[in-house]
Amino acid sequence: MTARFVAEALAKNLKTPVMVDNRAGAGGLIGTDAVAKAPGDGYTLLFAGVPHLTTRWFAEGPVTFDPVKDFVPIARVSSSALGIVVKADSPYKTLSDLVAAMKRKPGEITYSSGGAGSTSHLCSVMLNDLTKTRARHIPYKGNGPAVTDVIAGQVDFTCQGAPSVVPMIKAGKLRGLAVTSAGRWGEIPDVPTSAQAGVAGYQVASWIGALAPVGTPAPIVQRLSDELVRIAQSPAFKAFCAHQSMYVDIADRRQFLADLPKEDAHWKRIAQLSKES
């Protein structure tokens, strides 16, 4: 949804058609690989988030691109916290209840994700690491079915972005235990932050930004960065983010370039933890 909003605004500003091409498959690796191999002319961009850095460590086959070295950061436009959720009638009323259960029954409590290496997967790995607990990962092909099976009681909990779970919490189908940020979600303020729920230091942000194939000329990257920053600063985008329980998180090309290697190192460590557990 964010990509479509930005694409429509970019098309209007540049007075040229901008098409969103959803390349599903292999946790986003297929689409990322296609952009990595595209000409660096500014006409093919990648709109991506944390999985851009992480899914390669869980790929079944060889990955032919480097998510940092083979792309030029253009701009980051938004971020969102994730939420730990359980079925509405789950016996786990609080995050402390869930953590206590994982300590009592190591490896028996289950959590779903949108796939190995997804933000929803590694968010739960971080929870286990911080609380010195262990739970069993059930990967799905997408966040939709991962959430559906929590609602159905087939899986104990999941860690998901706001668009996947806020509507279900409002509908009374899920119970929110905690939000992985310093502040609560605006649309469901009754759900505490992770620190308020008893797990200090548990902050996970899923960012969204645009990148171009390496070799894209600097003037083109600068023009696109300026346009994306302008879009992200607009009242319309701010309202869009608020409605999605996201927040505007702007980084121009220079800041995004500085941030990406640090993000890569952080998530590499978490991915390694998941393989050791």
Protein backbone atom coordinates (compact mmCIF):
# COMPACT_ATOMS: atom_id res chain seq x y z
CA MET A 1 0.00 0.00 0.00
CA THR A 2 2.84 2.39 0.80
CA ALA A 3 4.50 1.66 -2.54
CA ARG A 4 1.27 2.47 -4.38
CA PHE A 5 0.80 5.73 -2.49
CA VAL A 6 4.35 6.82 -3.27
CA ALA A 7 4.11 5.65 -6.89
CA GLU A 8 0.97 7.71 -7.50
CA ALA A 9 2.53 10.80 -5.94
CA LEU A 10 5.79 10.28 -7.83
CA ALA A 11 3.94 9.91 -11.13
CA LYS A 12 2.10 13.17 -10.47
CA ASN A 13 5.27 15.05 -9.50
CA LEU A 14 7.40 13.74 -12.36
CA LYS A 15 4.54 13.79 -14.88
CA THR A 16 5.38 10.27 -16.01
CA PRO A 17 3.66 6.91 -15.43
CA VAL A 18 4.96 4.92 -12.44
CA MET A 19 3.85 1.30 -12.25
CA VAL A 20 4.03 -0.97 -9.20
CA ASP A 21 5.07 -4.49 -10.19
CA ASN A 22 4.60 -6.96 -7.33
CA ARG A 23 7.10 -9.76 -7.90
CA ALA A 24 6.12 -12.39 -5.36
CA GLY A 25 8.09 -15.52 -4.57
CA ALA A 26 11.04 -16.67 -2.47
CA GLY A 27 10.35 -14.10 0.23
CA GLY A 28 10.83 -11.22 -2.19
CA LEU A 29 14.13 -12.50 -3.55
CA ILE A 30 12.75 -12.87 -7.08
CA GLY A 31 11.73 -9.22 -7.29
CA THR A 32 14.93 -8.03 -5.66
CA ASP A 33 17.05 -10.07 -8.05
CA ALA A 34 15.16 -8.58 -11.02
CA VAL A 35 15.90 -5.04 -9.86
CA ALA A 36 19.55 -5.87 -9.16
CA LYS A 37 19.91 -6.98 -12.79
CA ALA A 38 17.98 -4.03 -14.25
CA PRO A 39 19.72 -1.13 -16.01
CA GLY A 40 20.80 1.66 -13.67
CA ASP A 41 18.80 4.31 -15.48
CA GLY A 42 16.36 5.38 -12.77
CA TYR A 43 13.39 3.65 -14.39
CA THR A 44 13.47 0.50 -12.24
CA LEU A 45 13.43 0.90 -8.46
CA LEU A 46 13.02 -1.44 -5.53
CA PHE A 47 10.59 -0.54 -2.78
CA ALA A 48 11.66 -2.67 0.15
CA GLY A 49 12.00 -3.09 3.89
CA VAL A 50 13.90 -5.19 6.40
CA PRO A 51 13.41 -8.47 4.46
CA HIS A 52 15.58 -6.94 1.72
CA LEU A 53 18.47 -7.54 4.11
CA THR A 54 17.37 -10.76 5.78
CA THR A 55 15.70 -13.27 3.48
CA ARG A 56 18.92 -14.12 1.69
CA TRP A 57 20.20 -15.91 4.79
CA PHE A 58 17.28 -18.33 4.59
CA ALA A 59 17.17 -18.88 0.82
CA GLU A 60 16.99 -22.48 -0.38
CA GLY A 61 19.14 -21.75 -3.43
CA PRO A 62 22.02 -19.41 -4.27
CA VAL A 63 21.46 -15.65 -3.99
CA THR A 64 23.30 -13.76 -6.71
CA PHE A 65 23.05 -10.23 -5.32
CA ASP A 66 24.29 -8.35 -2.27
CA PRO A 67 21.51 -6.19 -0.77
CA VAL A 68 23.97 -3.48 0.25
CA LYS A 69 26.66 -3.50 -2.44
CA ASP A 70 24.37 -4.06 -5.45
CA PHE A 71 21.91 -1.26 -4.68
CA VAL A 72 22.01 2.50 -4.27
CA PRO A 73 19.78 3.81 -1.45
CA ILE A 74 17.41 6.56 -2.57
CA ALA A 75 15.33 7.39 0.50
CA ARG A 76 13.54 5.86 3.46
CA VAL A 77 10.01 7.18 3.90
CA SER A 78 8.33 5.37 6.79
CA SER A 79 8.67 2.87 9.59
CA SER A 80 6.29 0.94 11.78
CA ALA A 81 6.50 -0.96 15.01
CA LEU A 82 5.32 -4.55 15.17
CA GLY A 83 2.86 -6.04 17.60
CA ILE A 84 2.87 -9.30 19.53
CA VAL A 85 -0.64 -10.73 19.23
CA VAL A 86 -2.53 -13.83 20.34
CA LYS A 87 -6.02 -15.18 19.76
CA ALA A 88 -8.68 -13.07 21.45
CA ASP A 89 -9.52 -15.82 23.97
CA SER A 90 -5.93 -16.97 24.46
CA PRO A 91 -4.92 -17.86 28.02
CA TYR A 92 -2.07 -15.36 27.63
CA LYS A 93 -3.51 -12.06 28.81
CA THR A 94 -0.22 -10.18 28.88
CA LEU A 95 3.25 -10.39 27.38
CA SER A 96 4.50 -11.52 30.79
CA ASP A 97 2.06 -14.45 30.63
CA LEU A 98 3.43 -15.48 27.25
CA VAL A 99 7.06 -15.16 28.35
CA ALA A 100 6.34 -17.21 31.48
CA ALA A 101 4.76 -19.95 29.36
CA MET A 102 7.78 -20.05 27.04
CA LYS A 103 10.03 -20.42 30.08
CA ARG A 104 7.90 -23.23 31.52
CA LYS A 105 7.64 -25.08 28.21
CA PRO A 106 10.78 -24.43 26.12
CA GLY A 107 10.17 -25.11 22.43
CA GLU A 108 6.48 -25.95 22.89
CA ILE A 109 4.88 -22.53 22.44
CA THR A 110 4.53 -21.77 18.72
CA TYR A 111 4.72 -18.58 16.70
CA SER A 112 3.90 -17.92 13.05
CA SER A 113 5.59 -15.65 10.55
CA GLY A 114 5.29 -14.54 6.95
CA GLY A 115 8.27 -16.74 6.10
CA ALA A 116 11.81 -17.51 7.18
CA GLY A 117 13.81 -14.31 7.34
CA SER A 118 10.76 -12.06 7.39
CA THR A 119 10.48 -9.26 9.92
CA SER A 120 7.70 -11.18 11.65
CA HIS A 121 10.07 -14.14 12.06
CA LEU A 122 13.07 -12.23 13.37
CA CYS A 123 10.93 -10.05 15.64
CA SER A 124 10.01 -13.19 17.57
CA VAL A 125 13.62 -14.38 17.55
CA MET A 126 14.54 -11.10 19.25
CA LEU A 127 11.84 -11.67 21.87
CA ASN A 128 13.25 -15.11 22.66
CA ASP A 129 16.77 -13.71 22.83
CA LEU A 130 15.88 -10.88 25.20
CA THR A 131 13.78 -13.05 27.50
CA LYS A 132 16.06 -16.12 27.35
CA THR A 133 13.20 -18.28 26.13
CA ARG A 134 12.62 -20.63 23.22
CA ALA A 135 9.56 -21.04 21.00
CA ARG A 136 8.88 -23.06 17.86
CA HIS A 137 8.75 -21.21 14.54
CA ILE A 138 5.94 -22.02 12.08
CA PRO A 139 6.71 -20.19 8.79
CA TYR A 140 3.94 -19.40 6.32
CA LYS A 141 3.91 -18.07 2.79
CA GLY A 142 2.84 -14.57 3.70
CA ASN A 143 1.59 -12.67 6.73
CA GLY A 144 -2.08 -13.26 5.93
CA PRO A 145 -2.14 -17.00 6.63
CA ALA A 146 0.27 -16.50 9.54
CA VAL A 147 -2.30 -14.26 11.22
CA THR A 148 -5.27 -16.42 10.22
CA ASP A 149 -3.89 -19.46 12.01
CA VAL A 150 -3.33 -17.48 15.20
CA ILE A 151 -6.98 -16.41 15.06
CA ALA A 152 -7.94 -20.06 14.49
CA GLY A 153 -5.89 -21.18 17.48
CA GLN A 154 -3.50 -23.28 15.42
CA VAL A 155 -0.52 -21.16 16.53
CA ASP A 156 0.04 -19.45 19.88
CA PHE A 157 1.28 -16.02 18.80
CA THR A 158 2.73 -13.92 16.01
CA CYS A 159 4.67 -10.67 15.69
CA GLN A 160 3.26 -8.57 12.85
CA GLY A 161 3.09 -5.07 11.44
CA ALA A 162 0.08 -2.89 12.13
CA PRO A 163 -1.70 -3.37 8.76
CA SER A 164 -1.82 -7.13 9.35
CA VAL A 165 -3.19 -7.10 12.89
CA VAL A 166 -4.74 -3.77 13.91
CA PRO A 167 -8.02 -4.47 12.03
CA MET A 168 -8.21 -7.90 13.68
CA ILE A 169 -7.62 -6.43 17.14
CA LYS A 170 -10.35 -3.87 16.52
CA ALA A 171 -12.68 -6.65 15.35
CA GLY A 172 -12.09 -8.60 18.55
CA LYS A 173 -10.36 -11.52 16.82
CA LEU A 174 -6.90 -10.88 18.22
CA ARG A 175 -5.53 -9.58 21.50
CA GLY A 176 -2.56 -7.25 21.39
CA LEU A 177 0.03 -7.98 24.06
CA ALA A 178 2.67 -5.39 23.21
CA VAL A 179 3.95 -2.97 20.58
CA THR A 180 7.67 -3.07 19.77
CA SER A 181 8.29 0.67 19.99
CA ALA A 182 8.74 3.47 22.50
CA GLY A 183 5.18 4.67 21.86
CA ARG A 184 1.82 2.95 21.57
CA TRP A 185 -0.10 2.50 18.33
CA GLY A 186 -2.39 5.48 17.82
CA GLU A 187 -5.38 3.44 16.61
CA ILE A 188 -5.29 0.98 19.54
CA PRO A 189 -3.78 2.89 22.47
CA ASP A 190 -4.81 0.22 24.99
CA VAL A 191 -2.00 -2.08 23.81
CA PRO A 192 1.13 -1.34 25.91
CA THR A 193 4.64 -0.90 24.60
CA SER A 194 7.03 -3.80 25.09
CA ALA A 195 8.82 -1.93 27.89
CA GLN A 196 5.51 -1.24 29.64
CA ALA A 197 4.68 -4.93 29.22
CA GLY A 198 7.88 -5.99 30.97
CA VAL A 199 10.47 -6.53 28.23
CA ALA A 200 12.92 -3.62 28.22
CA GLY A 201 14.95 -2.95 25.09
CA TYR A 202 12.57 -4.82 22.81
CA GLN A 203 12.15 -2.37 19.95
CA VAL A 204 11.72 -3.51 16.36
CA ALA A 205 11.01 -1.13 13.49
CA SER A 206 10.07 -2.28 10.03
CA TRP A 207 11.16 0.47 7.64
CA ILE A 208 10.17 1.09 4.03
CA GLY A 209 12.40 2.74 1.46
CA ALA A 210 13.43 2.86 -2.17
CA LEU A 211 16.66 1.66 -3.76
CA ALA A 212 18.04 1.64 -7.30
CA PRO A 213 20.42 -0.75 -9.07
CA VAL A 214 24.08 0.02 -8.48
CA GLY A 215 25.45 2.22 -11.24
CA THR A 216 22.46 4.54 -11.34
CA PRO A 217 23.91 8.03 -11.96
CA ALA A 218 24.15 10.27 -8.90
CA PRO A 219 22.04 13.11 -10.41
CA ILE A 220 19.17 10.67 -11.01
CA VAL A 221 19.46 9.26 -7.49
CA GLN A 222 19.49 12.78 -6.06
CA ARG A 223 16.40 13.81 -8.04
CA LEU A 224 14.50 10.72 -6.94
CA SER A 225 15.64 11.18 -3.34
CA ASP A 226 14.45 14.78 -3.33
CA GLU A 227 11.07 13.75 -4.73
CA LEU A 228 10.57 10.93 -2.22
CA VAL A 229 11.52 13.17 0.70
CA ARG A 230 9.06 15.77 -0.56
CA ILE A 231 6.32 13.14 -0.76
CA ALA A 232 7.12 11.82 2.72
CA GLN A 233 6.92 15.36 4.13
CA SER A 234 3.45 15.96 2.70
CA PRO A 235 0.37 16.14 4.95
CA ALA A 236 -1.29 13.49 2.77
CA PHE A 237 1.48 10.98 3.43
CA LYS A 238 1.50 11.78 7.13
CA ALA A 239 -2.24 11.10 7.26
CA PHE A 240 -1.78 7.89 5.28
CA CYS A 241 0.86 6.65 7.72
CA ALA A 242 -1.25 7.52 10.75
CA HIS A 243 -4.17 5.56 9.31
CA GLN A 244 -1.88 2.54 8.85
CA SER A 245 -0.42 2.88 12.38
CA MET A 246 2.93 3.70 10.78
CA TYR A 247 5.00 6.84 11.20
CA VAL A 248 6.87 9.06 8.79
CA ASP A 249 10.57 8.18 9.02
CA ILE A 250 12.56 10.19 6.49
CA ALA A 251 16.13 9.52 5.47
CA ASP A 252 17.50 11.09 2.32
CA ARG A 253 19.95 9.18 0.15
CA ARG A 254 22.99 10.09 2.26
CA GLN A 255 21.39 9.14 5.57
CA PHE A 256 19.89 5.97 4.11
CA LEU A 257 23.30 5.05 2.73
CA ALA A 258 24.84 5.49 6.19
CA ASP A 259 22.08 3.53 7.93
CA LEU A 260 21.90 0.50 5.64
CA PRO A 261 25.20 -1.21 6.61
CA LYS A 262 24.35 -0.83 10.31
CA GLU A 263 20.91 -2.32 9.71
CA ASP A 264 22.50 -5.15 7.77
CA ALA A 265 24.89 -5.98 10.63
CA HIS A 266 22.09 -5.88 13.20
CA TRP A 267 19.79 -8.22 11.28
CA LYS A 268 22.63 -10.56 10.38
CA ARG A 269 23.17 -11.13 14.10
CA ILE A 270 19.47 -11.82 14.66
CA ALA A 271 19.36 -14.20 11.70
CA GLN A 272 22.31 -16.10 13.15
CA LEU A 273 20.50 -16.36 16.49
CA SER A 274 17.51 -17.92 14.75
CA LYS A 275 19.69 -20.65 13.31
CA GLU A 276 21.29 -21.37 16.66
CA SER A 277 18.00 -21.72 18.52
